[in-house]
Amino acid sequence: MCIGTPMKIVSCENGMALAEGRGQTERLNMLMVGELPPGSWVLAFQGAALRPLTAEEAAQTDAALDALAAVLAGGDTTDAHFRDLIDREPQLPAHLRDRLQTHPQGDTP
């Protein structure tokens, strides 16, 4: 399984960036996303920035990675890492909601 991590750009020039995230500093190839200003968030994997992230996406991804680490360490709850999901009904993504409305009761095109 491949897991990208959110990283914040510290500096960027000539197609490379210095970025920090999850307690690490790394040089990232910015070819896929272009040069971004300091303070920008990206999803990084194996030394490359794969796509820009919003600060909210970065925080949510960090929370999910923290939950995974807690479970792997023997923790029995992930509630602290997903406070935004507690006491809320699950929701389908918009593209699936639209499909359900277009094809009710399991009808498929």
N, C-alpha and C. Protein backbone atom coordinates (compact mmCIF):
# COMPACT_ATOMS: atom_id res chain seq x y z
N MET A 1 0.85 -1.17 0.00
CA MET A 1 0.00 0.00 0.00
C MET A 1 0.90 1.23 0.00
N CYS A 2 0.50 2.24 -0.76
CA CYS A 2 1.24 3.50 -0.85
C CYS A 2 0.48 4.56 -0.07
N ILE A 3 1.19 5.28 0.78
CA ILE A 3 0.56 6.33 1.56
C ILE A 3 1.35 7.62 1.39
N GLY A 4 0.70 8.63 0.84
CA GLY A 4 1.30 9.94 0.73
C GLY A 4 1.14 10.68 2.05
N THR A 5 2.00 11.64 2.29
CA THR A 5 1.93 12.43 3.52
C THR A 5 1.82 13.91 3.18
N PRO A 6 1.07 14.65 3.99
CA PRO A 6 0.99 16.09 3.76
C PRO A 6 2.28 16.77 4.21
N MET A 7 2.77 17.67 3.37
CA MET A 7 3.98 18.42 3.71
C MET A 7 3.76 19.88 3.33
N LYS A 8 4.33 20.76 4.16
CA LYS A 8 4.22 22.20 3.96
C LYS A 8 5.51 22.71 3.33
N ILE A 9 5.35 23.48 2.25
CA ILE A 9 6.50 24.01 1.53
C ILE A 9 7.18 25.10 2.36
N VAL A 10 8.49 24.95 2.53
CA VAL A 10 9.31 25.94 3.23
C VAL A 10 9.92 26.90 2.21
N SER A 11 10.46 26.34 1.14
CA SER A 11 11.02 27.14 0.05
C SER A 11 10.93 26.32 -1.23
N CYS A 12 10.94 27.04 -2.36
CA CYS A 12 10.77 26.36 -3.64
C CYS A 12 11.48 27.14 -4.73
N GLU A 13 12.35 26.47 -5.48
CA GLU A 13 12.97 27.08 -6.65
C GLU A 13 13.57 26.01 -7.54
N ASN A 14 13.63 26.33 -8.82
CA ASN A 14 14.20 25.43 -9.82
C ASN A 14 13.59 24.04 -9.80
N GLY A 15 12.28 23.95 -9.58
CA GLY A 15 11.60 22.67 -9.63
C GLY A 15 11.76 21.77 -8.42
N MET A 16 12.41 22.29 -7.38
CA MET A 16 12.59 21.51 -6.15
C MET A 16 12.10 22.35 -4.97
N ALA A 17 11.63 21.67 -3.94
CA ALA A 17 11.15 22.38 -2.75
C ALA A 17 11.72 21.72 -1.50
N LEU A 18 11.89 22.53 -0.48
CA LEU A 18 12.19 22.03 0.85
C LEU A 18 10.85 22.06 1.57
N ALA A 19 10.46 20.92 2.14
CA ALA A 19 9.14 20.81 2.77
C ALA A 19 9.26 20.10 4.11
N GLU A 20 8.31 20.42 5.00
CA GLU A 20 8.28 19.80 6.33
C GLU A 20 6.91 19.21 6.57
N GLY A 21 6.91 18.07 7.25
CA GLY A 21 5.64 17.45 7.62
C GLY A 21 5.87 16.19 8.42
N ARG A 22 5.01 15.96 9.40
CA ARG A 22 5.05 14.78 10.24
C ARG A 22 6.43 14.56 10.86
N GLY A 23 7.05 15.67 11.27
CA GLY A 23 8.33 15.59 11.97
C GLY A 23 9.53 15.36 11.07
N GLN A 24 9.36 15.51 9.77
CA GLN A 24 10.46 15.27 8.84
C GLN A 24 10.63 16.46 7.90
N THR A 25 11.84 16.65 7.43
CA THR A 25 12.13 17.64 6.40
C THR A 25 12.61 16.87 5.18
N GLU A 26 12.10 17.28 4.01
CA GLU A 26 12.41 16.53 2.79
C GLU A 26 12.51 17.46 1.60
N ARG A 27 13.36 17.11 0.66
CA ARG A 27 13.41 17.82 -0.62
C ARG A 27 12.45 17.12 -1.56
N LEU A 28 11.58 17.90 -2.19
CA LEU A 28 10.56 17.34 -3.07
C LEU A 28 10.72 17.83 -4.50
N ASN A 29 10.56 16.93 -5.44
CA ASN A 29 10.47 17.27 -6.84
C ASN A 29 9.08 17.86 -7.07
N MET A 30 9.02 19.05 -7.65
CA MET A 30 7.74 19.75 -7.84
C MET A 30 7.23 19.68 -9.28
N LEU A 31 7.80 18.81 -10.09
CA LEU A 31 7.46 18.73 -11.50
C LEU A 31 5.96 18.52 -11.74
N MET A 32 5.30 17.71 -10.92
CA MET A 32 3.88 17.40 -11.15
C MET A 32 2.95 18.55 -10.76
N VAL A 33 3.38 19.42 -9.85
CA VAL A 33 2.49 20.48 -9.36
C VAL A 33 2.97 21.88 -9.69
N GLY A 34 4.19 22.02 -10.12
CA GLY A 34 4.75 23.34 -10.38
C GLY A 34 5.25 23.96 -9.08
N GLU A 35 5.95 25.07 -9.21
CA GLU A 35 6.47 25.74 -8.03
C GLU A 35 5.33 26.38 -7.25
N LEU A 36 5.37 26.23 -5.94
CA LEU A 36 4.35 26.80 -5.06
C LEU A 36 5.02 27.69 -4.02
N PRO A 37 4.30 28.68 -3.52
CA PRO A 37 4.89 29.58 -2.53
C PRO A 37 5.04 28.91 -1.17
N PRO A 38 5.97 29.39 -0.36
CA PRO A 38 6.11 28.87 1.00
C PRO A 38 4.77 28.95 1.74
N GLY A 39 4.51 27.93 2.54
CA GLY A 39 3.26 27.85 3.27
C GLY A 39 2.21 27.00 2.58
N SER A 40 2.44 26.67 1.31
CA SER A 40 1.51 25.81 0.58
C SER A 40 1.66 24.37 1.07
N TRP A 41 0.56 23.63 1.02
CA TRP A 41 0.56 22.21 1.39
C TRP A 41 0.51 21.35 0.14
N VAL A 42 1.24 20.22 0.16
CA VAL A 42 1.20 19.25 -0.92
C VAL A 42 1.11 17.85 -0.33
N LEU A 43 0.60 16.93 -1.14
CA LEU A 43 0.65 15.51 -0.80
C LEU A 43 1.93 14.98 -1.40
N ALA A 44 2.82 14.45 -0.56
CA ALA A 44 4.13 14.00 -1.00
C ALA A 44 4.25 12.48 -0.90
N PHE A 45 4.96 11.92 -1.86
CA PHE A 45 5.22 10.47 -1.85
C PHE A 45 6.53 10.22 -2.57
N GLN A 46 7.42 9.53 -1.92
CA GLN A 46 8.72 9.14 -2.46
C GLN A 46 9.46 10.29 -3.12
N GLY A 47 9.55 11.40 -2.42
CA GLY A 47 10.35 12.53 -2.87
C GLY A 47 9.72 13.42 -3.92
N ALA A 48 8.42 13.25 -4.17
CA ALA A 48 7.75 14.08 -5.15
C ALA A 48 6.44 14.63 -4.58
N ALA A 49 6.11 15.84 -4.96
CA ALA A 49 4.81 16.42 -4.63
C ALA A 49 3.82 15.91 -5.67
N LEU A 50 2.76 15.23 -5.22
CA LEU A 50 1.80 14.65 -6.15
C LEU A 50 0.67 15.60 -6.52
N ARG A 51 0.22 16.38 -5.51
CA ARG A 51 -0.85 17.35 -5.77
C ARG A 51 -0.90 18.34 -4.63
N PRO A 52 -1.39 19.56 -4.91
CA PRO A 52 -1.56 20.53 -3.84
C PRO A 52 -2.70 20.09 -2.91
N LEU A 53 -2.63 20.49 -1.65
CA LEU A 53 -3.67 20.23 -0.66
C LEU A 53 -4.11 21.55 -0.04
N THR A 54 -5.35 21.60 0.41
CA THR A 54 -5.76 22.72 1.25
C THR A 54 -5.25 22.42 2.66
N ALA A 55 -5.21 23.44 3.50
CA ALA A 55 -4.80 23.24 4.89
C ALA A 55 -5.75 22.25 5.58
N GLU A 56 -7.04 22.31 5.23
CA GLU A 56 -8.02 21.39 5.82
C GLU A 56 -7.75 19.94 5.39
N GLU A 57 -7.46 19.73 4.10
CA GLU A 57 -7.13 18.38 3.62
C GLU A 57 -5.87 17.85 4.30
N ALA A 58 -4.88 18.72 4.48
CA ALA A 58 -3.64 18.31 5.15
C ALA A 58 -3.93 17.89 6.58
N ALA A 59 -4.75 18.66 7.31
CA ALA A 59 -5.09 18.33 8.69
C ALA A 59 -5.87 17.02 8.77
N GLN A 60 -6.80 16.82 7.85
CA GLN A 60 -7.58 15.57 7.84
C GLN A 60 -6.69 14.37 7.53
N THR A 61 -5.77 14.53 6.60
CA THR A 61 -4.86 13.43 6.26
C THR A 61 -3.94 13.13 7.44
N ASP A 62 -3.43 14.18 8.09
CA ASP A 62 -2.60 13.96 9.29
C ASP A 62 -3.38 13.22 10.37
N ALA A 63 -4.65 13.59 10.58
CA ALA A 63 -5.48 12.92 11.58
C ALA A 63 -5.66 11.45 11.24
N ALA A 64 -5.88 11.15 9.96
CA ALA A 64 -6.04 9.75 9.54
C ALA A 64 -4.75 8.97 9.76
N LEU A 65 -3.61 9.58 9.44
CA LEU A 65 -2.33 8.90 9.66
C LEU A 65 -2.05 8.71 11.15
N ASP A 66 -2.44 9.69 11.97
CA ASP A 66 -2.30 9.54 13.43
C ASP A 66 -3.16 8.40 13.94
N ALA A 67 -4.39 8.28 13.41
CA ALA A 67 -5.28 7.18 13.82
C ALA A 67 -4.69 5.84 13.43
N LEU A 68 -4.15 5.74 12.23
CA LEU A 68 -3.52 4.50 11.78
C LEU A 68 -2.36 4.13 12.70
N ALA A 69 -1.53 5.11 13.04
CA ALA A 69 -0.40 4.85 13.94
C ALA A 69 -0.89 4.39 15.32
N ALA A 70 -1.98 4.99 15.82
CA ALA A 70 -2.53 4.60 17.12
C ALA A 70 -3.04 3.17 17.09
N VAL A 71 -3.74 2.79 16.03
CA VAL A 71 -4.25 1.43 15.92
C VAL A 71 -3.10 0.43 15.82
N LEU A 72 -2.10 0.76 15.01
CA LEU A 72 -0.95 -0.14 14.88
C LEU A 72 -0.18 -0.29 16.19
N ALA A 73 -0.26 0.74 17.04
CA ALA A 73 0.42 0.69 18.34
C ALA A 73 -0.44 -0.01 19.40
N GLY A 74 -1.61 -0.50 19.00
CA GLY A 74 -2.46 -1.22 19.95
C GLY A 74 -3.59 -0.41 20.53
N GLY A 75 -3.79 0.80 20.04
CA GLY A 75 -4.89 1.63 20.53
C GLY A 75 -6.22 1.03 20.13
N ASP A 76 -7.24 1.27 20.92
CA ASP A 76 -8.54 0.66 20.64
C ASP A 76 -9.59 1.66 20.17
N THR A 77 -9.24 2.93 20.04
CA THR A 77 -10.21 3.90 19.56
C THR A 77 -9.54 4.91 18.64
N THR A 78 -10.31 5.35 17.69
CA THR A 78 -9.79 6.38 16.77
C THR A 78 -10.63 7.65 16.85
N ASP A 79 -11.57 7.70 17.81
CA ASP A 79 -12.47 8.85 17.91
C ASP A 79 -11.72 10.18 18.02
N ALA A 80 -10.63 10.20 18.76
CA ALA A 80 -9.90 11.45 18.95
C ALA A 80 -9.35 12.00 17.63
N HIS A 81 -9.16 11.12 16.65
CA HIS A 81 -8.59 11.54 15.37
C HIS A 81 -9.63 11.90 14.33
N PHE A 82 -10.90 11.56 14.60
CA PHE A 82 -11.97 11.81 13.64
C PHE A 82 -13.14 12.50 14.31
N ARG A 83 -12.86 13.56 15.07
CA ARG A 83 -13.92 14.28 15.79
C ARG A 83 -15.01 14.80 14.85
N ASP A 84 -14.64 15.13 13.61
CA ASP A 84 -15.62 15.67 12.67
C ASP A 84 -16.63 14.61 12.20
N LEU A 85 -16.37 13.33 12.46
CA LEU A 85 -17.27 12.27 12.03
C LEU A 85 -18.17 11.73 13.14
N ILE A 86 -17.85 12.08 14.39
CA ILE A 86 -18.62 11.58 15.52
C ILE A 86 -19.99 12.26 15.51
N ASP A 87 -21.03 11.50 15.81
CA ASP A 87 -22.40 12.00 15.90
C ASP A 87 -22.90 12.62 14.59
N ARG A 88 -22.49 12.07 13.48
CA ARG A 88 -22.97 12.56 12.19
C ARG A 88 -23.25 11.36 11.30
N GLU A 89 -24.30 11.48 10.53
CA GLU A 89 -24.66 10.42 9.59
C GLU A 89 -23.64 10.37 8.45
N PRO A 90 -23.27 9.18 8.01
CA PRO A 90 -22.38 9.07 6.85
C PRO A 90 -23.03 9.69 5.62
N GLN A 91 -22.21 10.29 4.76
CA GLN A 91 -22.72 10.92 3.55
C GLN A 91 -21.96 10.39 2.34
N LEU A 92 -22.69 10.14 1.29
CA LEU A 92 -22.06 9.74 0.04
C LEU A 92 -21.40 10.96 -0.60
N PRO A 93 -20.30 10.74 -1.31
CA PRO A 93 -19.72 11.85 -2.09
C PRO A 93 -20.73 12.32 -3.13
N ALA A 94 -20.61 13.57 -3.55
CA ALA A 94 -21.56 14.18 -4.47
C ALA A 94 -21.76 13.36 -5.74
N HIS A 95 -20.67 12.83 -6.32
CA HIS A 95 -20.82 12.08 -7.58
C HIS A 95 -21.63 10.81 -7.39
N LEU A 96 -21.60 10.20 -6.21
CA LEU A 96 -22.42 9.01 -5.94
C LEU A 96 -23.85 9.39 -5.59
N ARG A 97 -24.03 10.51 -4.86
CA ARG A 97 -25.39 10.99 -4.56
C ARG A 97 -26.13 11.28 -5.86
N ASP A 98 -25.45 11.94 -6.81
CA ASP A 98 -26.06 12.27 -8.10
C ASP A 98 -26.46 11.00 -8.84
N ARG A 99 -25.61 9.99 -8.78
CA ARG A 99 -25.90 8.72 -9.46
C ARG A 99 -27.11 8.04 -8.83
N LEU A 100 -27.21 8.09 -7.51
CA LEU A 100 -28.33 7.48 -6.81
C LEU A 100 -29.63 8.18 -7.17
N GLN A 101 -29.60 9.49 -7.31
CA GLN A 101 -30.80 10.24 -7.68
C GLN A 101 -31.20 9.98 -9.12
N THR A 102 -30.21 9.77 -9.99
CA THR A 102 -30.48 9.53 -11.40
C THR A 102 -30.99 8.11 -11.63
N HIS A 103 -30.48 7.15 -10.84
CA HIS A 103 -30.84 5.74 -11.00
C HIS A 103 -31.31 5.18 -9.67
N PRO A 104 -32.52 5.53 -9.22
CA PRO A 104 -33.00 5.06 -7.92
C PRO A 104 -33.22 3.55 -7.90
N GLN A 105 -33.18 3.00 -6.70
CA GLN A 105 -33.50 1.60 -6.41
C GLN A 105 -32.62 0.62 -7.20
N GLY A 106 -31.36 0.94 -7.31
CA GLY A 106 -30.42 0.00 -7.88
C GLY A 106 -30.41 -0.10 -9.39
N ASP A 107 -31.25 0.69 -10.08
CA ASP A 107 -31.22 0.68 -11.54
C ASP A 107 -29.87 1.20 -12.00
N THR A 108 -29.29 0.57 -12.99
CA THR A 108 -28.02 1.04 -13.53
C THR A 108 -28.19 1.33 -15.00
N PRO A 109 -27.38 2.23 -15.52
CA PRO A 109 -27.52 2.58 -16.96
C PRO A 109 -27.14 1.44 -17.85
